Each structure stands twice: as C-alpha cells, then as structure tokens.
C-alpha cells in the first residue's frame, strides 16, 4: 500500500481541481484579514493558499506530500510552502488562524492533529476546516471492503486511509484541547465519479 503522502500532484491538478473549487466558499468563514498570519494545513497544490493570500494576509501552506509542495511552489513562487505532518508540527510564530480544506480526513490520529493546531494558535485564534464526515462515501467503502475480503482475504477496514467522524466526536476532541466550537454541520455534496471505462479507478 502506498504511503498517504505519495500523491501525484500534476494528476491531482488535472483531475481533482474541483476540490479546491469547492473550498473557496470556506474562505468566507475564515474571514482572513490583512496582516494576519495564517496556516493552510493540508494545502495540496496551493490553490486555496493563494486565494487567502489575495486578502493580504501572510499565509503559509503546509502539506505532508513532497510532490504537492513541489507543485505549489511552482504555481505560486511568492508564497511560502513547507512540508510537514499535521499530526505533529510546531511553529516559532503563532498563527492568527488555521485553515484546512479536504485534508483532515486523511489524518488518522485526530487528537494529535487538534493538539498541534491548538498549540500553533495565538490566544483567541480560530480554526476553520472542511473535511469528510461520518458516512462519507460509505457505499464505496463498504463495497471495497467486501470485495477485498471476499477476493483476497484482506480485512480492508484495517487499511482504510480515511477518518470520517461525527460532529459530536470531532467537537468533543476539539473541546478537550480547549477549543470552543461555534459552528459545525454535515452537508451533502454529491460528487460525480470519474467518467469513462476506468470509472472510480480513475
């Protein structure tokens, strides 16, 4: 199985650019201000990091994937991008806000992630994130687990790369670290699978 940080950044930009497109609306929740210091956690190829930079906030993009960071630096050479693991990162300068779009469900140890975010924020700092919630792509997960176990004997549930929590579960983790949860909700976002013979494989 591939390590989770082995992404194909160019392919991601070609086929999955819609992920950043969906995330643009989340920036209005962040309300970045000129001069603020903001972390984009799990920045991918940097599209939303760039959008935040247009507000004249000082933004840094962080991702665990070397290839994603390479591509982000190519696309946006005036923005700082760093390779780092959301489970355990530190900063010498505290952030006014941490932003994350479509990344936290790839981080399987949420308490470590939330603790790192909490420690990286100024007092009163804010955390705004979007990621897959409980039941996300459940039909696909169930089908993959059933087929893999039947055809190979592999218990795919033990290798599931995703973490999809309920609102209550994640809010509890946030509150245990010290956060006050102001808003959290599940919403439906039907996403078309890849076209053609490859279908979901593509």
N, C-alpha and C. Protein backbone atom coordinates (compact mmCIF):
# COMPACT_ATOMS: atom_id res chain seq x y z
N UNK A 1 0.84 -1.19 0.00
CA UNK A 1 0.00 0.00 0.00
C UNK A 1 0.88 1.24 0.00
N UNK A 2 0.49 2.25 -0.79
CA UNK A 2 1.24 3.49 -0.85
C UNK A 2 1.12 4.24 0.47
N UNK A 3 2.21 4.92 0.82
CA UNK A 3 2.13 5.85 1.94
C UNK A 3 1.17 6.96 1.56
N UNK A 4 0.46 7.49 2.55
CA UNK A 4 -0.55 8.50 2.25
C UNK A 4 0.03 9.79 1.70
N UNK A 5 1.33 10.04 1.91
CA UNK A 5 1.87 11.31 1.42
C UNK A 5 2.48 11.17 0.03
N UNK A 6 2.24 10.07 -0.67
CA UNK A 6 2.74 9.89 -2.02
C UNK A 6 1.63 10.22 -3.02
N UNK A 7 1.46 11.51 -3.24
CA UNK A 7 0.44 11.99 -4.15
C UNK A 7 1.08 12.33 -5.49
N UNK A 8 0.28 12.30 -6.53
CA UNK A 8 0.73 12.72 -7.86
C UNK A 8 0.13 14.09 -8.11
N UNK A 9 0.90 15.13 -7.81
CA UNK A 9 0.37 16.49 -7.79
C UNK A 9 -0.14 16.96 -9.14
N UNK A 10 0.57 16.65 -10.21
CA UNK A 10 0.13 17.11 -11.53
C UNK A 10 -1.19 16.46 -11.91
N UNK A 11 -1.31 15.17 -11.59
CA UNK A 11 -2.56 14.45 -11.86
C UNK A 11 -3.70 15.00 -11.00
N UNK A 12 -3.35 15.35 -9.77
CA UNK A 12 -4.34 15.95 -8.87
C UNK A 12 -4.90 17.24 -9.46
N UNK A 13 -4.01 18.09 -9.95
CA UNK A 13 -4.46 19.35 -10.55
C UNK A 13 -5.30 19.11 -11.80
N UNK A 14 -4.96 18.08 -12.58
CA UNK A 14 -5.68 17.80 -13.82
C UNK A 14 -7.08 17.25 -13.56
N UNK A 15 -7.21 16.38 -12.56
CA UNK A 15 -8.47 15.66 -12.38
C UNK A 15 -9.27 16.04 -11.14
N UNK A 16 -8.61 16.63 -10.14
CA UNK A 16 -9.29 16.88 -8.88
C UNK A 16 -9.28 18.35 -8.46
N UNK A 17 -9.12 19.24 -9.43
CA UNK A 17 -9.09 20.68 -9.13
C UNK A 17 -10.41 21.14 -8.51
N UNK A 18 -11.49 20.39 -8.75
CA UNK A 18 -12.79 20.77 -8.18
C UNK A 18 -12.76 20.80 -6.65
N UNK A 19 -11.84 20.05 -6.04
CA UNK A 19 -11.77 20.02 -4.57
C UNK A 19 -11.46 21.42 -4.03
N UNK A 20 -10.48 22.09 -4.65
CA UNK A 20 -10.16 23.47 -4.24
C UNK A 20 -11.29 24.41 -4.60
N UNK A 21 -11.92 24.16 -5.74
CA UNK A 21 -13.05 24.99 -6.16
C UNK A 21 -14.16 24.99 -5.12
N UNK A 22 -14.48 23.81 -4.62
CA UNK A 22 -15.50 23.71 -3.56
C UNK A 22 -15.07 24.47 -2.31
N UNK A 23 -13.77 24.43 -2.03
CA UNK A 23 -13.27 25.02 -0.78
C UNK A 23 -13.24 26.53 -0.76
N UNK A 24 -13.39 27.19 -1.92
CA UNK A 24 -13.33 28.66 -1.94
C UNK A 24 -14.38 29.29 -1.03
N UNK A 25 -15.55 28.68 -0.94
CA UNK A 25 -16.61 29.24 -0.09
C UNK A 25 -16.20 29.21 1.39
N UNK A 26 -15.34 28.28 1.74
CA UNK A 26 -14.92 28.17 3.14
C UNK A 26 -14.10 29.38 3.58
N UNK A 27 -13.45 30.04 2.64
CA UNK A 27 -12.62 31.20 2.98
C UNK A 27 -13.48 32.31 3.58
N UNK A 28 -14.74 32.39 3.17
CA UNK A 28 -15.62 33.42 3.75
C UNK A 28 -15.88 33.14 5.23
N UNK A 29 -15.82 31.89 5.65
CA UNK A 29 -15.94 31.55 7.07
C UNK A 29 -14.67 31.95 7.82
N UNK A 30 -13.54 31.80 7.14
CA UNK A 30 -12.26 32.15 7.76
C UNK A 30 -12.15 33.65 7.99
N UNK A 31 -12.67 34.44 7.07
CA UNK A 31 -12.60 35.91 7.13
C UNK A 31 -11.17 36.40 7.38
N UNK A 32 -10.25 36.03 6.49
CA UNK A 32 -8.86 36.47 6.68
C UNK A 32 -8.73 37.98 6.56
N UNK A 33 -7.89 38.55 7.41
CA UNK A 33 -7.69 40.00 7.43
C UNK A 33 -6.26 40.35 7.01
N UNK A 34 -6.12 41.51 6.44
CA UNK A 34 -4.80 42.00 6.05
C UNK A 34 -3.85 41.96 7.25
N UNK A 35 -2.67 41.39 7.02
CA UNK A 35 -1.65 41.34 8.07
C UNK A 35 -1.73 40.15 8.99
N UNK A 36 -2.82 39.37 8.91
CA UNK A 36 -2.90 38.18 9.76
C UNK A 36 -1.92 37.12 9.29
N UNK A 37 -1.52 36.27 10.21
CA UNK A 37 -0.61 35.16 9.93
C UNK A 37 -1.43 33.88 9.96
N UNK A 38 -1.54 33.20 8.81
CA UNK A 38 -2.48 32.09 8.67
C UNK A 38 -1.77 30.86 8.11
N UNK A 39 -2.13 29.70 8.65
CA UNK A 39 -1.64 28.42 8.14
C UNK A 39 -2.74 27.73 7.35
N UNK A 40 -2.40 27.29 6.14
CA UNK A 40 -3.29 26.44 5.34
C UNK A 40 -2.77 25.01 5.51
N UNK A 41 -3.43 24.24 6.35
CA UNK A 41 -2.98 22.90 6.72
C UNK A 41 -3.53 21.86 5.74
N UNK A 42 -2.63 21.12 5.08
CA UNK A 42 -3.04 20.18 4.04
C UNK A 42 -3.36 20.96 2.77
N UNK A 43 -2.44 21.83 2.39
CA UNK A 43 -2.69 22.81 1.32
C UNK A 43 -2.72 22.22 -0.07
N UNK A 44 -2.28 20.97 -0.23
CA UNK A 44 -2.27 20.39 -1.57
C UNK A 44 -1.38 21.19 -2.50
N UNK A 45 -1.88 21.54 -3.68
CA UNK A 45 -1.07 22.26 -4.66
C UNK A 45 -1.22 23.78 -4.54
N UNK A 46 -1.81 24.24 -3.44
CA UNK A 46 -1.73 25.65 -3.08
C UNK A 46 -2.81 26.59 -3.59
N UNK A 47 -3.82 26.09 -4.26
CA UNK A 47 -4.82 26.99 -4.84
C UNK A 47 -5.54 27.84 -3.79
N UNK A 48 -5.92 27.23 -2.67
CA UNK A 48 -6.62 28.00 -1.65
C UNK A 48 -5.66 28.84 -0.81
N UNK A 49 -4.43 28.40 -0.70
CA UNK A 49 -3.40 29.22 -0.04
C UNK A 49 -3.28 30.54 -0.81
N UNK A 50 -3.27 30.41 -2.11
CA UNK A 50 -3.20 31.60 -2.97
C UNK A 50 -4.43 32.49 -2.77
N UNK A 51 -5.61 31.89 -2.72
CA UNK A 51 -6.83 32.68 -2.54
C UNK A 51 -6.79 33.45 -1.23
N UNK A 52 -6.29 32.81 -0.18
CA UNK A 52 -6.17 33.50 1.11
C UNK A 52 -5.16 34.65 1.00
N UNK A 53 -4.09 34.45 0.25
CA UNK A 53 -3.06 35.49 0.12
C UNK A 53 -3.59 36.75 -0.54
N UNK A 54 -4.64 36.63 -1.33
CA UNK A 54 -5.22 37.79 -2.01
C UNK A 54 -5.84 38.79 -1.03
N UNK A 55 -6.10 38.34 0.20
CA UNK A 55 -6.65 39.23 1.23
C UNK A 55 -5.54 40.03 1.91
N UNK A 56 -4.30 39.79 1.49
CA UNK A 56 -3.12 40.42 2.07
C UNK A 56 -2.79 39.90 3.46
N UNK A 57 -3.35 38.74 3.78
CA UNK A 57 -2.88 38.02 4.96
C UNK A 57 -1.54 37.37 4.60
N UNK A 58 -0.73 37.11 5.59
CA UNK A 58 0.52 36.37 5.38
C UNK A 58 0.20 34.90 5.59
N UNK A 59 0.21 34.13 4.54
CA UNK A 59 -0.25 32.75 4.63
C UNK A 59 0.88 31.79 4.27
N UNK A 60 0.92 30.68 4.98
CA UNK A 60 1.88 29.61 4.71
C UNK A 60 1.08 28.34 4.42
N UNK A 61 1.48 27.62 3.38
CA UNK A 61 0.85 26.35 3.07
C UNK A 61 1.70 25.19 3.57
N UNK A 62 1.05 24.22 4.21
CA UNK A 62 1.76 23.04 4.70
C UNK A 62 1.08 21.78 4.19
N UNK A 63 1.87 20.82 3.74
CA UNK A 63 1.33 19.54 3.30
C UNK A 63 2.37 18.46 3.57
N UNK A 64 1.89 17.24 3.80
CA UNK A 64 2.80 16.12 4.06
C UNK A 64 3.42 15.58 2.79
N UNK A 65 2.87 15.92 1.64
CA UNK A 65 3.34 15.38 0.37
C UNK A 65 4.43 16.25 -0.26
N UNK A 66 5.58 15.66 -0.49
CA UNK A 66 6.68 16.36 -1.16
C UNK A 66 6.26 16.83 -2.54
N UNK A 67 5.52 16.00 -3.26
CA UNK A 67 5.13 16.35 -4.62
C UNK A 67 4.10 17.47 -4.64
N UNK A 68 3.17 17.46 -3.70
CA UNK A 68 2.20 18.56 -3.62
C UNK A 68 2.91 19.88 -3.33
N UNK A 69 3.86 19.87 -2.42
CA UNK A 69 4.60 21.09 -2.09
C UNK A 69 5.42 21.56 -3.29
N UNK A 70 6.04 20.62 -4.00
CA UNK A 70 6.79 20.98 -5.21
C UNK A 70 5.90 21.72 -6.20
N UNK A 71 4.72 21.17 -6.44
CA UNK A 71 3.79 21.77 -7.40
C UNK A 71 3.28 23.12 -6.91
N UNK A 72 2.98 23.24 -5.63
CA UNK A 72 2.51 24.51 -5.08
C UNK A 72 3.57 25.60 -5.26
N UNK A 73 4.83 25.26 -5.01
CA UNK A 73 5.91 26.24 -5.16
C UNK A 73 6.07 26.67 -6.61
N UNK A 74 5.87 25.73 -7.55
CA UNK A 74 5.95 26.06 -8.97
C UNK A 74 4.83 27.03 -9.36
N UNK A 75 3.64 26.77 -8.86
CA UNK A 75 2.47 27.58 -9.23
C UNK A 75 2.47 28.95 -8.57
N UNK A 76 2.94 28.99 -7.32
CA UNK A 76 2.84 30.23 -6.54
C UNK A 76 4.19 30.52 -5.85
N UNK A 77 5.18 30.94 -6.63
CA UNK A 77 6.54 31.10 -6.07
C UNK A 77 6.67 32.19 -5.02
N UNK A 78 5.70 33.08 -4.92
CA UNK A 78 5.78 34.16 -3.94
C UNK A 78 5.20 33.79 -2.58
N UNK A 79 4.66 32.58 -2.48
CA UNK A 79 4.06 32.12 -1.22
C UNK A 79 4.97 31.07 -0.59
N UNK A 80 5.05 31.06 0.73
CA UNK A 80 5.87 30.07 1.43
C UNK A 80 5.08 28.77 1.61
N UNK A 81 5.69 27.67 1.16
CA UNK A 81 5.10 26.35 1.33
C UNK A 81 6.12 25.47 2.04
N UNK A 82 5.64 24.70 3.03
CA UNK A 82 6.54 23.83 3.78
C UNK A 82 5.97 22.42 3.83
N UNK A 83 6.85 21.46 3.86
CA UNK A 83 6.44 20.07 4.02
C UNK A 83 6.33 19.78 5.51
N UNK A 84 5.19 19.23 5.93
CA UNK A 84 5.02 18.95 7.35
C UNK A 84 3.84 18.04 7.59
N UNK A 85 3.89 17.35 8.70
CA UNK A 85 2.86 16.38 9.09
C UNK A 85 1.88 17.05 10.05
N UNK A 86 0.60 17.06 9.67
CA UNK A 86 -0.42 17.68 10.51
C UNK A 86 -0.54 17.07 11.89
N UNK A 87 -0.06 15.83 12.04
CA UNK A 87 -0.14 15.17 13.35
C UNK A 87 0.84 15.76 14.35
N UNK A 88 1.91 16.32 13.85
CA UNK A 88 2.93 16.83 14.77
C UNK A 88 3.72 17.93 14.08
N UNK A 89 3.29 19.15 14.28
CA UNK A 89 4.05 20.27 13.74
C UNK A 89 4.14 21.35 14.80
N UNK A 90 5.17 22.17 14.67
CA UNK A 90 5.38 23.26 15.60
C UNK A 90 5.69 24.52 14.80
N UNK A 91 5.50 25.65 15.42
CA UNK A 91 5.82 26.92 14.77
C UNK A 91 6.51 27.84 15.76
N UNK A 92 7.46 28.62 15.28
CA UNK A 92 8.14 29.58 16.15
C UNK A 92 7.30 30.84 16.34
N UNK A 93 6.34 31.05 15.42
CA UNK A 93 5.49 32.23 15.47
C UNK A 93 4.04 31.76 15.42
N UNK A 94 3.24 32.13 16.39
CA UNK A 94 1.87 31.63 16.48
C UNK A 94 0.98 32.24 15.40
N UNK A 95 0.03 31.43 14.94
CA UNK A 95 -0.88 31.85 13.88
C UNK A 95 -2.12 32.53 14.44
N UNK A 96 -2.67 33.46 13.65
CA UNK A 96 -3.97 34.05 13.97
C UNK A 96 -5.09 33.06 13.63
N UNK A 97 -4.84 32.23 12.63
CA UNK A 97 -5.86 31.27 12.22
C UNK A 97 -5.22 30.08 11.53
N UNK A 98 -5.87 28.94 11.64
CA UNK A 98 -5.51 27.75 10.88
C UNK A 98 -6.71 27.38 10.03
N UNK A 99 -6.44 27.13 8.76
CA UNK A 99 -7.47 26.81 7.76
C UNK A 99 -7.13 25.44 7.18
N UNK A 100 -8.16 24.64 6.88
CA UNK A 100 -7.89 23.35 6.26
C UNK A 100 -9.09 22.92 5.41
N UNK A 101 -8.83 22.54 4.18
CA UNK A 101 -9.89 22.10 3.28
C UNK A 101 -9.58 20.70 2.74
N UNK A 102 -10.49 19.78 2.94
CA UNK A 102 -10.41 18.43 2.35
C UNK A 102 -9.12 17.71 2.68
N UNK A 103 -8.62 17.89 3.89
CA UNK A 103 -7.36 17.25 4.27
C UNK A 103 -7.45 16.45 5.57
N UNK A 104 -8.22 16.92 6.53
CA UNK A 104 -8.20 16.30 7.86
C UNK A 104 -8.69 14.87 7.86
N UNK A 105 -9.51 14.49 6.88
CA UNK A 105 -9.98 13.10 6.87
C UNK A 105 -8.88 12.12 6.43
N UNK A 106 -7.73 12.66 6.00
CA UNK A 106 -6.57 11.81 5.69
C UNK A 106 -5.66 11.65 6.91
N UNK A 107 -5.96 12.32 7.99
CA UNK A 107 -5.11 12.30 9.18
C UNK A 107 -5.80 11.44 10.24
N UNK A 108 -5.27 10.24 10.44
CA UNK A 108 -5.98 9.21 11.20
C UNK A 108 -5.88 9.34 12.71
N UNK A 109 -5.08 10.26 13.20
CA UNK A 109 -4.96 10.45 14.66
C UNK A 109 -5.40 11.88 15.00
N UNK A 110 -6.71 12.10 15.05
CA UNK A 110 -7.22 13.47 15.17
C UNK A 110 -6.81 14.19 16.45
N UNK A 111 -6.63 13.47 17.53
CA UNK A 111 -6.24 14.15 18.77
C UNK A 111 -4.85 14.78 18.64
N UNK A 112 -3.95 14.11 17.95
CA UNK A 112 -2.62 14.69 17.72
C UNK A 112 -2.72 15.92 16.84
N UNK A 113 -3.56 15.84 15.80
CA UNK A 113 -3.72 16.97 14.87
C UNK A 113 -4.30 18.18 15.60
N UNK A 114 -5.39 17.95 16.31
CA UNK A 114 -6.06 19.06 17.02
C UNK A 114 -5.13 19.67 18.06
N UNK A 115 -4.36 18.84 18.75
CA UNK A 115 -3.42 19.35 19.74
C UNK A 115 -2.35 20.22 19.09
N UNK A 116 -1.85 19.79 17.91
CA UNK A 116 -0.85 20.58 17.19
C UNK A 116 -1.43 21.91 16.74
N UNK A 117 -2.68 21.89 16.26
CA UNK A 117 -3.34 23.12 15.83
C UNK A 117 -3.51 24.06 17.01
N UNK A 118 -4.01 23.54 18.13
CA UNK A 118 -4.23 24.36 19.32
C UNK A 118 -2.94 25.04 19.76
N UNK A 119 -1.86 24.30 19.79
CA UNK A 119 -0.57 24.84 20.24
C UNK A 119 0.00 25.85 19.27
N UNK A 120 -0.43 25.81 18.00
CA UNK A 120 0.12 26.71 16.99
C UNK A 120 -0.63 28.04 16.90
N UNK A 121 -1.77 28.16 17.61
CA UNK A 121 -2.61 29.35 17.52
C UNK A 121 -2.34 30.34 18.65
N UNK A 122 -2.49 31.63 18.30
CA UNK A 122 -2.48 32.67 19.33
C UNK A 122 -3.70 32.49 20.23
N UNK A 123 -3.67 33.00 21.44
CA UNK A 123 -4.89 33.01 22.26
C UNK A 123 -6.01 33.72 21.50
N UNK A 124 -7.18 33.08 21.44
CA UNK A 124 -8.29 33.64 20.68
C UNK A 124 -8.22 33.37 19.20
N UNK A 125 -7.20 32.63 18.76
CA UNK A 125 -7.08 32.29 17.34
C UNK A 125 -8.22 31.38 16.90
N UNK A 126 -8.39 31.26 15.61
CA UNK A 126 -9.52 30.49 15.10
C UNK A 126 -9.07 29.37 14.17
N UNK A 127 -9.92 28.37 14.10
CA UNK A 127 -9.68 27.17 13.28
C UNK A 127 -10.92 26.93 12.44
N UNK A 128 -10.75 26.94 11.12
CA UNK A 128 -11.85 26.73 10.19
C UNK A 128 -11.45 25.59 9.25
N UNK A 129 -12.30 24.56 9.19
CA UNK A 129 -11.94 23.39 8.40
C UNK A 129 -13.15 22.75 7.74
N UNK A 130 -12.89 22.09 6.62
CA UNK A 130 -13.89 21.27 5.93
C UNK A 130 -13.23 19.93 5.66
N UNK A 131 -13.97 18.85 5.94
CA UNK A 131 -13.45 17.51 5.65
C UNK A 131 -14.59 16.52 5.71
N UNK A 132 -14.33 15.31 5.27
CA UNK A 132 -15.37 14.29 5.22
C UNK A 132 -15.89 13.92 6.59
N UNK A 133 -17.22 13.84 6.71
CA UNK A 133 -17.85 13.48 7.97
C UNK A 133 -18.37 12.05 7.97
N UNK A 134 -18.93 11.67 9.08
CA UNK A 134 -19.42 10.30 9.26
C UNK A 134 -20.38 9.92 8.13
N UNK A 135 -20.13 8.75 7.55
CA UNK A 135 -20.96 8.26 6.46
C UNK A 135 -20.49 8.69 5.08
N UNK A 136 -19.43 9.51 5.03
CA UNK A 136 -18.92 9.98 3.74
C UNK A 136 -18.45 8.79 2.88
N UNK A 137 -18.83 8.77 1.64
CA UNK A 137 -18.52 7.70 0.66
C UNK A 137 -18.71 6.30 1.24
N UNK A 138 -19.69 6.15 2.12
CA UNK A 138 -19.86 4.87 2.83
C UNK A 138 -20.17 3.71 1.91
N UNK A 139 -20.95 3.97 0.86
CA UNK A 139 -21.28 2.90 -0.09
C UNK A 139 -20.02 2.37 -0.76
N UNK A 140 -19.13 3.29 -1.12
CA UNK A 140 -17.86 2.89 -1.76
C UNK A 140 -16.98 2.13 -0.78
N UNK A 141 -16.87 2.64 0.44
CA UNK A 141 -16.06 1.98 1.46
C UNK A 141 -16.57 0.56 1.71
N UNK A 142 -17.89 0.41 1.86
CA UNK A 142 -18.47 -0.91 2.11
C UNK A 142 -18.17 -1.87 0.96
N UNK A 143 -18.33 -1.38 -0.28
CA UNK A 143 -18.10 -2.23 -1.45
C UNK A 143 -16.64 -2.67 -1.54
N UNK A 144 -15.72 -1.74 -1.32
CA UNK A 144 -14.30 -2.08 -1.38
C UNK A 144 -13.92 -3.10 -0.31
N UNK A 145 -14.44 -2.88 0.90
CA UNK A 145 -14.11 -3.81 1.98
C UNK A 145 -14.66 -5.21 1.68
N UNK A 146 -15.88 -5.28 1.16
CA UNK A 146 -16.50 -6.57 0.85
C UNK A 146 -15.74 -7.30 -0.25
N UNK A 147 -15.43 -6.59 -1.32
CA UNK A 147 -14.75 -7.23 -2.46
C UNK A 147 -13.34 -7.66 -2.07
N UNK A 148 -12.61 -6.81 -1.34
CA UNK A 148 -11.23 -7.16 -0.97
C UNK A 148 -11.21 -8.37 -0.04
N UNK A 149 -12.13 -8.39 0.92
CA UNK A 149 -12.14 -9.52 1.85
C UNK A 149 -12.54 -10.82 1.13
N UNK A 150 -13.54 -10.72 0.26
CA UNK A 150 -14.01 -11.91 -0.45
C UNK A 150 -12.96 -12.44 -1.43
N UNK A 151 -12.28 -11.53 -2.15
CA UNK A 151 -11.36 -11.95 -3.20
C UNK A 151 -9.93 -12.18 -2.74
N UNK A 152 -9.54 -11.54 -1.63
CA UNK A 152 -8.14 -11.65 -1.21
C UNK A 152 -7.97 -12.10 0.23
N UNK A 153 -9.06 -12.04 1.01
CA UNK A 153 -8.96 -12.37 2.43
C UNK A 153 -8.41 -11.22 3.26
N UNK A 154 -8.13 -10.08 2.60
CA UNK A 154 -7.61 -8.92 3.32
C UNK A 154 -8.75 -8.20 4.03
N UNK A 155 -8.52 -7.88 5.29
CA UNK A 155 -9.52 -7.08 6.04
C UNK A 155 -9.26 -5.61 5.73
N UNK A 156 -9.93 -5.11 4.70
CA UNK A 156 -9.67 -3.75 4.22
C UNK A 156 -9.99 -2.68 5.26
N UNK A 157 -10.90 -2.99 6.18
CA UNK A 157 -11.26 -1.99 7.19
C UNK A 157 -10.05 -1.57 8.01
N UNK A 158 -9.07 -2.48 8.14
CA UNK A 158 -7.87 -2.17 8.91
C UNK A 158 -6.90 -1.28 8.13
N UNK A 159 -7.11 -1.19 6.80
CA UNK A 159 -6.23 -0.38 5.96
C UNK A 159 -6.92 0.87 5.42
N UNK A 160 -8.12 1.15 5.90
CA UNK A 160 -8.86 2.31 5.43
C UNK A 160 -8.05 3.58 5.71
N UNK A 161 -7.73 4.38 4.68
CA UNK A 161 -6.89 5.56 4.89
C UNK A 161 -7.63 6.76 5.45
N UNK A 162 -8.96 6.65 5.61
CA UNK A 162 -9.77 7.81 5.96
C UNK A 162 -10.27 7.78 7.40
N UNK A 163 -10.53 8.98 7.91
CA UNK A 163 -11.14 9.18 9.22
C UNK A 163 -12.33 10.11 9.01
N UNK A 164 -13.53 9.57 9.16
CA UNK A 164 -14.76 10.34 8.95
C UNK A 164 -15.55 10.37 10.26
N UNK A 165 -15.37 11.41 11.08
CA UNK A 165 -16.03 11.45 12.38
C UNK A 165 -17.42 12.07 12.33
N UNK A 166 -18.19 11.82 13.37
CA UNK A 166 -19.45 12.53 13.55
C UNK A 166 -19.14 13.92 14.10
N UNK A 167 -20.13 14.80 14.05
CA UNK A 167 -19.94 16.14 14.61
C UNK A 167 -19.65 16.05 16.11
N UNK A 168 -20.39 15.18 16.80
CA UNK A 168 -20.18 15.04 18.24
C UNK A 168 -18.79 14.56 18.57
N UNK A 169 -18.32 13.59 17.81
CA UNK A 169 -16.99 13.02 18.06
C UNK A 169 -15.91 14.07 17.87
N UNK A 170 -15.96 14.80 16.76
CA UNK A 170 -14.90 15.77 16.49
C UNK A 170 -15.01 16.98 17.41
N UNK A 171 -16.24 17.41 17.70
CA UNK A 171 -16.42 18.54 18.61
C UNK A 171 -15.85 18.21 19.99
N UNK A 172 -16.04 16.98 20.43
CA UNK A 172 -15.51 16.55 21.73
C UNK A 172 -13.98 16.63 21.74
N UNK A 173 -13.35 16.18 20.65
CA UNK A 173 -11.89 16.25 20.56
C UNK A 173 -11.42 17.70 20.60
N UNK A 174 -12.11 18.57 19.85
CA UNK A 174 -11.76 20.00 19.84
C UNK A 174 -11.90 20.60 21.23
N UNK A 175 -13.01 20.31 21.89
CA UNK A 175 -13.25 20.89 23.21
C UNK A 175 -12.25 20.38 24.24
N UNK A 176 -11.85 19.12 24.12
CA UNK A 176 -10.85 18.59 25.06
C UNK A 176 -9.51 19.33 24.95
N UNK A 177 -9.22 19.84 23.74
CA UNK A 177 -7.97 20.58 23.55
C UNK A 177 -8.09 22.04 23.95
N UNK A 178 -9.32 22.52 24.17
CA UNK A 178 -9.50 23.90 24.59
C UNK A 178 -10.33 24.76 23.65
N UNK A 179 -10.67 24.22 22.47
CA UNK A 179 -11.45 24.99 21.52
C UNK A 179 -12.89 25.18 21.99
N UNK A 180 -13.50 26.28 21.59
CA UNK A 180 -14.93 26.50 21.72
C UNK A 180 -15.51 26.31 20.32
N UNK A 181 -16.39 25.33 20.14
CA UNK A 181 -16.96 25.03 18.83
C UNK A 181 -18.14 25.97 18.59
N UNK A 182 -18.02 26.84 17.59
CA UNK A 182 -19.06 27.83 17.29
C UNK A 182 -20.05 27.30 16.25
N UNK A 183 -19.54 26.60 15.24
CA UNK A 183 -20.40 26.07 14.19
C UNK A 183 -19.82 24.75 13.70
N UNK A 184 -20.69 23.79 13.47
CA UNK A 184 -20.27 22.52 12.88
C UNK A 184 -21.51 21.86 12.30
N UNK A 185 -21.44 21.45 11.07
CA UNK A 185 -22.59 20.75 10.50
C UNK A 185 -22.18 19.86 9.33
N UNK A 186 -22.99 18.83 9.12
CA UNK A 186 -22.82 17.96 7.96
C UNK A 186 -23.62 18.56 6.81
N UNK A 187 -23.09 18.47 5.62
CA UNK A 187 -23.88 18.87 4.45
C UNK A 187 -23.60 17.91 3.32
N UNK A 188 -24.59 17.75 2.46
CA UNK A 188 -24.46 16.86 1.31
C UNK A 188 -23.74 17.58 0.18
N UNK A 189 -22.78 16.90 -0.41
CA UNK A 189 -22.09 17.46 -1.57
C UNK A 189 -21.86 16.32 -2.57
N UNK A 190 -22.91 15.93 -3.28
CA UNK A 190 -22.74 14.85 -4.26
C UNK A 190 -21.62 15.19 -5.24
N UNK A 191 -20.73 14.23 -5.45
CA UNK A 191 -19.58 14.44 -6.32
C UNK A 191 -19.57 13.37 -7.40
N UNK A 192 -19.53 13.81 -8.64
CA UNK A 192 -19.52 12.89 -9.77
C UNK A 192 -18.21 12.10 -9.79
N UNK A 193 -18.32 10.79 -9.98
CA UNK A 193 -17.13 9.97 -10.10
C UNK A 193 -16.55 10.15 -11.50
N UNK A 194 -15.32 9.70 -11.69
CA UNK A 194 -14.63 9.85 -12.97
C UNK A 194 -15.43 9.19 -14.10
N UNK A 195 -15.43 9.84 -15.25
CA UNK A 195 -16.11 9.31 -16.42
C UNK A 195 -15.24 8.23 -17.10
N UNK A 196 -15.86 7.52 -18.03
CA UNK A 196 -15.11 6.57 -18.85
C UNK A 196 -15.05 5.18 -18.26
N UNK A 197 -14.37 4.31 -18.98
CA UNK A 197 -14.29 2.90 -18.57
C UNK A 197 -13.60 2.71 -17.24
N UNK A 198 -12.65 3.60 -16.90
CA UNK A 198 -11.92 3.46 -15.65
C UNK A 198 -12.80 3.75 -14.43
N UNK A 199 -13.80 4.62 -14.62
CA UNK A 199 -14.72 4.93 -13.54
C UNK A 199 -14.03 5.31 -12.26
N UNK A 200 -14.41 4.69 -11.17
CA UNK A 200 -13.86 5.05 -9.87
C UNK A 200 -12.37 4.76 -9.77
N UNK A 201 -11.87 3.82 -10.54
CA UNK A 201 -10.43 3.55 -10.53
C UNK A 201 -9.68 4.79 -10.96
N UNK A 202 -10.18 5.48 -11.99
CA UNK A 202 -9.55 6.71 -12.44
C UNK A 202 -9.62 7.79 -11.39
